[in-house]
Amino acid sequence: MNGASIRAAFSHCVQQVHNYDYDHYLCLLHLPPSMRKAACALRAFNVETSRAMDVTSNPKIGLMRLFWWQEAIDKIYSGKTIDHPTARALSSVVSEHKISKTWLKRSVEARISNASRQDSDIPKTIEDLEQYAEDTQSTILYMTLQAAGIRSTMADHAASHIGKASGLLLLLKSIPYHANHSGRVLHIPSDIASKHGLLVAGNGRTEVQMESGEGSQMLFLRWLRLRAPI
């Protein structure tokens, strides 16, 4: 890859993060310049995988996008060239900073697992949601620390908690969308839903349903506040 191609790839990543993850785009502006390019490529990868199921009305096509990224990661670590700007930028970051393949694979595999589940496959507890947040959000922070050359158990511990918290907030933000479009809420654990009478059984399966997306969001938020340590 020549210099112009790499610059174009990173410019694409900046635009993707700016357009679809503006909160983190603002955070990236405060990173040291030496960290910014790598962090931006990692965030762009997260944008690509997190939006895979939202940019199409056909779930099978969304899953195909995620499987494509799963294969792309293997190609990146095999030194193969991929004709995709985010993948090119990611390949450059992996090569320069020796980013762990484990974190990239874990992130996309968690997305695939979540996208493959049925509406009736309700998370049982908040810990299940925390694990998903760990796999999709904390991993991005772990790789950002790697790119910065930071090897610290304390930093990793902080990244784990920050990733889980931000992941839960992202799930919280998505509740009104799912509730208002389908009436089904995919990310309220069954123990909370059962406690508040939101579990609806029928046709051999159980779903979380609520008429108001805003109401379900407030319910989940209130539960999180009760759970948080003082």
Foldseek 3Di string as FASTA:
>chain_A
DDPVLLVVLLVVLLVLCVVQVVVVNVVLVPDPPLLNSQLSLLVSLLSQLVCLCVVDPDLVSSLVSLVVQLVLLVCLVVVHDDPDSSSSSNSVLCVVLVFDSVLSNLQSVLSNVLSPDDQQPAAADVVVQLVSLQSNFLSSVVRSCSSVVHDDPVSSVVSSVVSSVVSVVVLLVCQQVCCQPPQFGRHDHPVLQVVVVQWDDDPHGITGGDNGSVVVSVSVVVVVVVVDDD
